[in-house]
Protein backbone atom coordinates (compact mmCIF):
# COMPACT_ATOMS: atom_id res chain seq x y z
CA MET A 1 -13.09 -13.66 -0.30
CA ASP A 2 -12.59 -9.96 0.06
CA ALA A 3 -13.47 -7.03 -2.19
CA GLN A 4 -12.71 -3.34 -1.62
CA ASN A 5 -14.02 -0.43 -3.68
CA ASP A 6 -13.07 3.26 -3.79
CA VAL A 7 -14.92 5.05 -6.63
CA ASN A 8 -13.06 3.89 -9.79
CA ARG A 9 -10.55 1.67 -8.02
CA GLY A 10 -11.07 -1.66 -6.27
CA GLU A 11 -9.39 -4.92 -5.35
CA PHE A 12 -10.55 -8.48 -4.76
CA THR A 13 -8.84 -11.52 -3.20
CA TRP A 14 -9.93 -15.04 -4.17
CA LYS A 15 -9.13 -18.00 -1.89
CA ILE A 16 -9.27 -21.42 -3.61
CA SER A 17 -9.10 -24.31 -1.11
CA TYR A 18 -8.09 -27.88 -2.13
CA PHE A 19 -6.55 -26.39 -5.25
CA THR A 20 -4.64 -29.54 -6.35
CA GLU A 21 -7.88 -31.54 -6.19
CA GLN A 22 -9.72 -29.28 -8.66
CA ASP A 23 -10.70 -31.31 -11.74
CA ALA A 24 -12.35 -28.52 -13.73
CA THR A 25 -10.51 -27.15 -16.75
CA LYS A 26 -11.25 -23.60 -15.62
CA LEU A 27 -12.66 -21.92 -12.52
CA TYR A 28 -14.45 -18.58 -12.07
CA SER A 29 -14.42 -16.54 -8.88
CA GLU A 30 -17.56 -14.94 -7.54
CA ALA A 31 -18.33 -11.56 -9.09
CA PHE A 32 -17.10 -8.35 -7.46
CA THR A 33 -18.02 -4.77 -8.30
CA VAL A 34 -15.76 -1.80 -9.07
CA SER A 35 -17.30 1.54 -10.04
CA GLY A 36 -20.65 -0.11 -10.77
CA CYS A 37 -19.08 -2.69 -13.12
CA GLU A 38 -19.00 -6.40 -12.34
CA TRP A 39 -15.78 -8.41 -12.72
CA ARG A 40 -14.51 -11.86 -11.86
CA ILE A 41 -11.25 -13.80 -12.03
CA LEU A 42 -10.83 -16.70 -14.47
CA VAL A 43 -8.12 -19.32 -13.80
CA PHE A 44 -7.04 -22.49 -15.61
CA PRO A 45 -5.55 -24.67 -12.79
CA LYS A 46 -3.70 -26.93 -15.26
CA GLY A 47 -2.99 -24.25 -17.85
CA ASN A 48 -4.80 -23.09 -20.97
CA ASP A 49 -3.05 -25.47 -23.40
CA THR A 50 0.26 -24.64 -21.72
CA ASP A 51 2.45 -25.79 -18.81
CA HIS A 52 1.79 -22.51 -16.96
CA LEU A 53 -1.03 -21.34 -14.72
CA SER A 54 -3.34 -19.22 -16.91
CA LEU A 55 -5.00 -16.21 -15.28
CA TYR A 56 -7.46 -13.63 -16.66
CA LEU A 57 -9.83 -10.81 -15.64
CA ASN A 58 -13.34 -11.46 -16.96
CA VAL A 59 -16.61 -9.52 -17.43
CA PRO A 60 -19.29 -11.94 -16.11
CA ASP A 61 -22.37 -10.10 -17.39
CA SER A 62 -21.10 -9.40 -20.92
CA ALA A 63 -24.07 -11.16 -22.56
CA THR A 64 -26.58 -8.87 -20.84
CA LEU A 65 -24.77 -5.55 -21.43
CA PRO A 66 -26.06 -3.03 -24.02
CA TYR A 67 -24.93 -3.34 -27.63
CA GLY A 68 -21.56 -1.69 -28.23
CA TRP A 69 -20.53 -1.69 -24.55
CA THR A 70 -16.88 -1.16 -23.62
CA ARG A 71 -14.91 -1.04 -20.38
CA LYS A 72 -11.39 0.33 -20.46
CA ALA A 73 -9.46 -0.64 -17.34
CA LYS A 74 -5.99 -0.82 -15.96
CA PHE A 75 -5.61 -3.91 -13.81
CA SER A 76 -3.16 -6.27 -12.15
CA LEU A 77 -3.34 -9.95 -11.21
CA SER A 78 -1.25 -11.51 -8.45
CA VAL A 79 -0.55 -15.01 -7.14
CA ILE A 80 0.29 -14.57 -3.46
CA ASP A 81 3.22 -16.34 -1.81
CA GLN A 82 1.71 -17.11 1.60
CA VAL A 83 5.09 -17.80 3.19
CA ASN A 84 7.15 -14.97 1.73
CA ASN A 85 4.97 -12.16 0.40
CA GLY A 86 7.98 -10.67 -1.35
CA SER A 87 7.99 -13.67 -3.71
CA SER A 88 4.41 -13.07 -4.85
CA VAL A 89 4.01 -12.81 -8.64
CA ARG A 90 2.20 -9.67 -9.85
CA LYS A 91 1.53 -8.66 -13.46
CA GLU A 92 -0.14 -5.45 -14.63
CA THR A 93 -1.70 -4.47 -17.95
CA GLN A 94 -4.39 -2.33 -19.57
CA HIS A 95 -7.21 -3.40 -21.88
CA GLU A 96 -10.49 -2.23 -23.37
CA PHE A 97 -13.01 -5.00 -22.72
CA ASN A 98 -15.89 -5.47 -25.16
CA ALA A 99 -18.32 -8.15 -26.42
CA SER A 100 -15.63 -9.94 -28.46
CA GLU A 101 -12.91 -9.65 -25.78
CA SER A 102 -14.73 -10.04 -22.49
CA ASP A 103 -11.64 -11.43 -20.71
CA TRP A 104 -7.99 -10.48 -20.79
CA GLY A 105 -4.90 -11.63 -18.95
CA TYR A 106 -1.97 -14.04 -19.04
CA THR A 107 -1.90 -17.51 -20.56
CA THR A 108 1.59 -18.13 -19.10
CA PHE A 109 1.29 -16.42 -15.71
CA ILE A 110 3.56 -18.73 -13.67
CA PRO A 111 5.07 -22.18 -14.50
CA LEU A 112 3.06 -25.02 -12.97
CA THR A 113 6.27 -26.59 -11.66
CA GLU A 114 7.05 -23.41 -9.74
CA LEU A 115 3.46 -23.09 -8.52
CA HIS A 116 3.42 -26.66 -7.13
CA ASP A 117 6.96 -26.52 -5.69
CA ARG A 118 6.59 -27.62 -2.06
CA THR A 119 9.47 -25.39 -0.97
CA GLY A 120 7.48 -22.33 -2.07
CA GLY A 121 4.45 -20.74 -0.47
CA TYR A 122 2.03 -20.46 -3.40
CA LEU A 123 -0.02 -23.49 -2.30
CA ALA A 124 0.24 -23.37 1.49
CA ASN A 125 -2.20 -25.91 2.94
CA ASP A 126 -3.27 -26.65 -0.66
CA THR A 127 -4.79 -23.15 -0.87
CA LEU A 128 -4.19 -20.67 -3.69
CA LEU A 129 -4.65 -16.91 -3.18
CA ILE A 130 -5.25 -14.74 -6.25
CA LYS A 131 -5.60 -10.96 -6.02
CA ALA A 132 -7.06 -8.64 -8.64
CA GLU A 133 -6.67 -4.83 -8.57
CA VAL A 134 -8.82 -2.90 -11.03
CA TYR A 135 -8.82 0.80 -11.98
CA ILE A 136 -11.68 1.86 -14.27
CA LEU A 137 -10.65 4.38 -16.96
CA THR A 138 -13.80 4.67 -19.11
CA VAL A 139 -17.15 2.88 -19.39
CA THR A 140 -19.56 2.97 -22.34
CA PRO A 141 -22.42 3.42 -21.72
CA PRO A 142 -21.95 4.93 -18.22
CA VAL A 143 -23.36 2.98 -15.25
CA ASN A 144 -25.10 4.10 -12.09
CA ILE A 145 -22.77 3.38 -9.18
CA GLN A 146 -24.45 1.81 -6.18
CA PRO A 147 -22.63 2.15 -2.82
CA ALA A 148 -21.41 -1.05 -1.22
CA ARG A 149 -23.66 -2.45 1.49
CA PRO A 150 -22.36 -4.05 4.71
CA THR A 151 -24.28 -7.24 3.82
CA ASP A 152 -22.74 -7.71 0.36
CA LYS A 153 -20.04 -10.10 1.58
CA PHE A 154 -22.65 -12.20 3.41
CA ASP A 155 -24.82 -12.49 0.29
CA SER A 156 -21.76 -13.45 -1.77
CA TYR A 157 -20.58 -16.09 0.72
CA PHE A 158 -23.96 -17.68 1.42
CA THR A 159 -24.87 -17.80 -2.27
CA GLY A 160 -21.86 -20.08 -2.75
CA LEU A 161 -22.82 -22.06 0.35
CA GLU A 162 -26.36 -22.51 -0.96
CA GLU A 163 -24.95 -23.99 -4.20
CA LEU A 164 -22.86 -26.45 -2.16
CA VAL A 165 -25.88 -27.44 -0.02
CA ASN A 166 -28.08 -27.93 -3.09
CA ALA A 167 -25.39 -30.00 -4.82
CA ALA A 168 -24.97 -32.21 -1.75
CA GLU A 169 -28.75 -32.74 -1.46
CA THR A 170 -28.98 -33.61 -5.15
CA ASN A 171 -25.95 -35.87 -5.43
CA GLY A 172 -25.86 -37.45 -1.90
CA VAL A 173 -23.78 -40.59 -1.30
CA GLY A 174 -25.43 -44.01 -1.87
CA VAL A 175 -24.38 -46.59 0.68
CA GLY A 176 -24.57 -50.37 0.33
CA SER A 177 -24.57 -52.82 3.22
CA SER A 178 -23.59 -56.42 3.88
CA SER A 179 -23.10 -58.75 6.81
CA CYS A 180 -19.88 -58.97 8.85
CA HIS A 181 -18.04 -62.11 10.04
CA GLN A 182 -14.92 -63.48 12.05
CA ASP A 183 -12.32 -66.24 12.93
CA GLY A 184 -11.07 -69.41 14.75
CA ALA A 185 -9.92 -73.13 14.34
CA LEU A 186 -8.02 -75.70 16.46
CA ALA A 187 -7.39 -79.45 16.82
CA ALA A 188 -8.78 -82.26 18.99
CA GLU A 189 -8.31 -85.92 19.87
CA ILE A 190 -10.00 -88.69 17.84
CA PRO A 191 -13.70 -88.20 18.59
CA THR A 192 -16.29 -90.87 19.30
CA VAL A 193 -19.15 -91.63 16.90
CA GLU A 194 -21.51 -89.66 19.15
CA GLU A 195 -19.14 -86.68 19.17
CA VAL A 196 -18.87 -86.82 15.37
CA GLU A 197 -22.66 -86.83 14.94
CA LYS A 198 -23.01 -83.99 17.42
CA ALA A 199 -20.33 -81.99 15.58
CA LYS A 200 -22.04 -82.63 12.21
CA GLN A 201 -25.35 -81.40 13.62
CA SER A 202 -23.64 -78.31 15.07
CA LEU A 203 -21.97 -77.62 11.71
CA LYS A 204 -25.28 -77.94 9.86
CA GLU A 205 -26.91 -75.48 12.23
CA CYS A 206 -24.06 -72.99 11.66
CA LEU A 207 -24.27 -73.41 7.88
CA SER A 208 -28.01 -72.81 7.91
CA ASP A 209 -27.39 -69.10 8.51
CA LEU A 210 -24.89 -66.38 7.56
CA PHE A 211 -21.64 -66.46 9.48
CA LYS A 212 -21.72 -64.40 12.69
CA LEU A 213 -19.06 -63.65 15.27
CA ASN A 214 -21.01 -65.40 18.04
CA MET A 215 -20.81 -68.74 16.16
CA LYS A 216 -17.04 -68.61 15.70
CA GLU A 217 -16.17 -70.79 18.71
CA ARG A 218 -18.96 -73.27 18.01
CA LEU A 219 -17.94 -73.59 14.35
CA SER A 220 -14.27 -73.95 15.30
CA GLU A 221 -15.07 -76.79 17.73
CA ALA A 222 -17.19 -78.60 15.13
CA LEU A 223 -14.45 -78.32 12.49
CA SER A 224 -11.82 -79.49 14.97
CA THR A 225 -13.89 -82.52 15.92
CA LEU A 226 -14.75 -83.47 12.35
CA SER A 227 -11.19 -83.01 11.11
CA SER A 228 -10.08 -85.65 13.64
CA ALA A 229 -12.92 -88.07 12.86
CA ARG A 230 -12.08 -91.44 11.32
CA THR A 231 -15.66 -92.43 10.54
CA GLY A 232 -18.96 -90.78 9.77
CA LEU A 233 -17.71 -88.57 6.92
CA SER A 234 -17.49 -89.18 3.18
CA PRO A 235 -14.14 -88.50 1.44
CA GLU A 236 -15.64 -85.38 -0.16
CA GLN A 237 -16.80 -84.13 3.26
CA GLN A 238 -13.36 -84.78 4.75
CA ILE A 239 -11.70 -82.77 1.95
CA ALA A 240 -14.18 -79.92 2.38
CA ILE A 241 -13.58 -79.90 6.15
CA GLU A 242 -9.77 -79.83 5.77
CA THR A 243 -9.87 -77.18 3.05
CA PHE A 244 -12.12 -74.85 5.01
CA ARG A 245 -10.28 -75.48 8.32
CA ALA A 246 -6.90 -74.70 6.68
CA ASN A 247 -8.21 -71.27 5.63
CA PHE A 248 -10.36 -70.64 8.69
CA SER A 249 -8.09 -67.89 10.07
CA ASP A 250 -8.07 -66.03 6.75
CA PHE A 251 -11.82 -66.50 6.45
CA THR A 252 -12.61 -64.97 9.84
CA SER A 253 -9.91 -62.31 9.42
CA ASP A 254 -11.47 -61.14 6.16
CA PHE A 255 -14.86 -60.73 7.79
CA LEU A 256 -13.35 -58.95 10.80
CA THR A 257 -11.46 -56.53 8.53
CA PHE A 258 -14.62 -55.86 6.57
CA GLU A 259 -16.57 -55.22 9.77
CA GLN A 260 -13.96 -52.73 11.00
CA ASP A 261 -13.66 -50.92 7.66
CA ASN A 262 -17.43 -50.79 7.28
CA ALA A 263 -17.74 -49.31 10.77
CA GLU A 264 -15.16 -46.64 9.88
CA PHE A 265 -17.05 -45.89 6.68
CA GLU A 266 -20.35 -45.49 8.56
CA LEU A 267 -18.65 -43.24 11.13
CA HIS A 268 -17.31 -40.87 8.48
CA LYS A 269 -20.69 -40.90 6.75
CA LEU A 270 -22.38 -39.93 10.01
CA GLN A 271 -19.85 -37.14 10.63
CA LYS A 272 -20.30 -35.90 7.06
CA ASP A 273 -24.07 -35.80 7.54
CA ARG A 274 -23.67 -33.84 10.77
CA ARG A 275 -21.42 -31.30 9.04
CA PHE A 276 -23.92 -31.02 6.23
CA PHE A 277 -26.77 -30.39 8.68
CA THR A 278 -24.76 -27.60 10.34
CA MET A 279 -23.95 -26.08 6.95
CA LYS A 280 -27.58 -26.25 5.81
CA LYS A 281 -28.79 -24.78 9.09
CA SER A 282 -26.33 -21.92 8.68
CA HIS A 283 -27.74 -21.12 5.25
CA GLU A 284 -31.30 -21.16 6.58
CA THR A 285 -30.23 -18.77 9.34
CA HIS A 286 -28.59 -16.56 6.72
CA VAL A 287 -31.91 -16.32 4.84
CA LEU A 288 -33.58 -15.28 8.08
CA TYR A 289 -30.88 -12.71 8.80
CA LYS A 290 -31.20 -11.36 5.28
CA GLN A 291 -34.94 -10.86 5.77
CA LEU A 292 -34.25 -9.20 9.10
CA MET A 293 -31.71 -6.92 7.42
CA ASP A 294 -34.21 -6.03 4.69
CA ASP A 295 -36.77 -5.21 7.34
CA LEU A 296 -34.27 -3.07 9.21
CA THR A 297 -33.36 -1.26 6.02
CA LYS A 298 -37.02 -0.48 5.31
CA GLU A 299 -37.47 0.68 8.88
CA GLU A 300 -34.42 2.91 8.56
CA GLU A 301 -35.78 4.51 5.39
CA GLU A 302 -39.11 5.18 7.10
CA LEU A 303 -37.36 6.74 10.05
CA LYS A 304 -35.33 9.00 7.77
CA ARG A 305 -38.53 10.23 6.10
CA LYS A 306 -40.05 11.12 9.47
CA MET A 307 -36.85 12.62 10.85
CA GLU A 308 -37.71 16.08 9.54
CA GLU A 309 -41.06 16.09 11.40
CA VAL A 310 -40.01 14.67 14.74
CA LYS A 311 -36.22 14.84 14.62
CA GLU A 312 -35.35 14.30 18.26
CA GLU A 313 -37.76 11.40 18.80
CA LEU A 314 -36.76 9.69 15.59
CA LYS A 315 -33.07 10.12 16.39
CA ARG A 316 -33.56 7.94 19.46
CA LYS A 317 -35.22 5.25 17.32
CA MET A 318 -32.48 5.52 14.70
CA ASP A 319 -29.87 4.86 17.33
CA GLY A 320 -31.80 1.75 18.33
CA VAL A 321 -31.88 0.49 14.75
CA ASN A 322 -28.14 1.06 14.38
CA SER A 323 -27.52 -0.83 17.60
CA ARG A 324 -29.59 -3.75 16.39
CA ARG A 325 -27.84 -3.66 13.01
CA ASN A 326 -24.43 -3.78 14.65
CA LYS A 327 -25.55 -6.69 16.82
CA LEU A 328 -26.94 -8.49 13.79
CA LEU A 329 -23.75 -7.90 11.80
CA SER A 330 -21.73 -9.16 14.76
CA ASP A 331 -23.86 -12.30 14.96
CA TRP A 332 -23.59 -12.65 11.21
CA GLU A 333 -19.80 -12.50 11.41
CA ILE A 334 -19.88 -15.29 13.99
CA LEU A 335 -22.22 -17.30 11.76
CA LEU A 336 -19.84 -16.77 8.84
CA VAL A 337 -16.93 -18.20 10.82
CA ASP A 338 -18.97 -21.17 12.11
CA SER A 339 -20.34 -21.87 8.65
CA ASP A 340 -16.90 -21.74 7.03
CA GLU A 341 -15.64 -24.22 9.62
CA ALA A 342 -18.58 -26.51 8.85
CA LYS A 343 -17.92 -26.14 5.13
CA LEU A 344 -14.24 -27.06 5.48
CA GLY A 345 -15.14 -29.91 7.81
CA TYR A 346 -17.73 -31.16 5.32
CA LYS A 347 -15.17 -31.24 2.50
CA ASP A 348 -12.68 -32.98 4.77
CA GLU A 349 -15.28 -35.62 5.70
CA MET A 350 -16.10 -36.10 2.02
CA LYS A 351 -12.43 -36.97 1.42
CA LYS A 352 -12.36 -39.30 4.40
CA LEU A 353 -15.64 -40.87 3.28
CA ALA A 354 -14.14 -41.58 -0.15
CA GLU A 355 -11.07 -43.17 1.48
CA ALA A 356 -13.25 -45.24 3.79
CA GLU A 357 -15.42 -46.33 0.87
CA GLU A 358 -12.31 -47.48 -0.98
CA LYS A 359 -11.16 -49.45 2.07
CA LYS A 360 -14.62 -51.00 2.29
CA ARG A 361 -14.44 -51.99 -1.38
CA ILE A 362 -11.05 -53.65 -0.84
CA ALA A 363 -12.43 -55.46 2.21
CA GLU A 364 -15.37 -56.72 0.15
CA GLU A 365 -12.95 -58.06 -2.46
CA ARG A 366 -10.98 -59.85 0.25
CA MET A 367 -14.20 -61.24 1.71
CA SER A 368 -15.09 -62.79 -1.64
CA ARG A 369 -12.02 -65.05 -1.42
CA SER A 370 -13.58 -66.92 1.45
CA THR A 371 -17.02 -67.20 -0.10
CA THR A 372 -16.06 -70.16 -2.29
CA ALA A 373 -14.78 -72.23 0.62
CA TRP A 374 -17.89 -71.35 2.65
CA SER A 375 -20.15 -72.35 -0.25
CA ASN A 376 -18.31 -75.66 -0.78
CA LEU A 377 -18.62 -76.53 2.86
CA LYS A 378 -22.28 -75.58 2.90
CA ALA A 379 -22.93 -77.70 -0.18
CA GLN A 380 -21.58 -80.74 1.63
CA PHE A 381 -23.77 -80.40 4.70
CA CYS A 382 -26.90 -78.51 3.71
């Protein structure tokens, strides 16, 4: 986000990532200040009861303003074409904002079909850019204009990041777990009575526990032997053996698929957690930097007060403070870039985590098909 101010005139650009995935009926930008007055952009991604994108300029602090307040402003709203800037849509109007009309704009700004057209550049990389330009004409009652500080953009960005961190810590992802299994099955010659008894014992030992990959070969050999047996098995046991052996490949394949999908799910969860840690650490560093900046500001004010008494000596100290401020701002810029990367990566991992969770759910459904055959077989021998 970017805001620029010049006395009564200012502009602000709002970047909305993953725009097509927004479920909210309406979205508000962060507040920006022009001539001491706060503003924000209001957008209805799916239209305000219309098939157009709806876009407005809004006064965010209207409820706290003095009785009878008004703000008369000339403003424009633009949806930026990120491929061909000449195709950007810009509309300009003038309005006197007040308690009963705290937002004003365009219900039918641009058709949704045109906005989502893949041949256009309005949603490049699923990102929407909206620009507001505001020129203040009159304000009642007048406001005291505070000059913009170099840290304003950091406070604005990290306030949003803090909300994302808090939401993630509150809503975290619950993860279930289950065991994973695999495949096999072949044929054999007619076994002896001893071989049949040995195979039955081996099968019982396998059935006494959950299926594991390391018992696949042993289970396959036991099934192969018992399926060829002519004695030592009841008709019900023979049917159970043949039924389970006929579906043995599907049974083990289902467990293998589940194991793979579950591993992918856990991997994305781990990567998401790492991104979250980086993002949270960035916010904590921001708080520290903010305190450092406050301390520097206080130190600067103290130096200014003493400048008249010991001007030359204090000038040397002032230069040192400025140098440290510039270094801090430079480090802050780097932190901003790193944090934004972590934020985007976190959202990307959240998408991947959802996809992996869906694959895991499908795998669990497939696994349930084999549970019946496993239970029948176990009922015969355990």
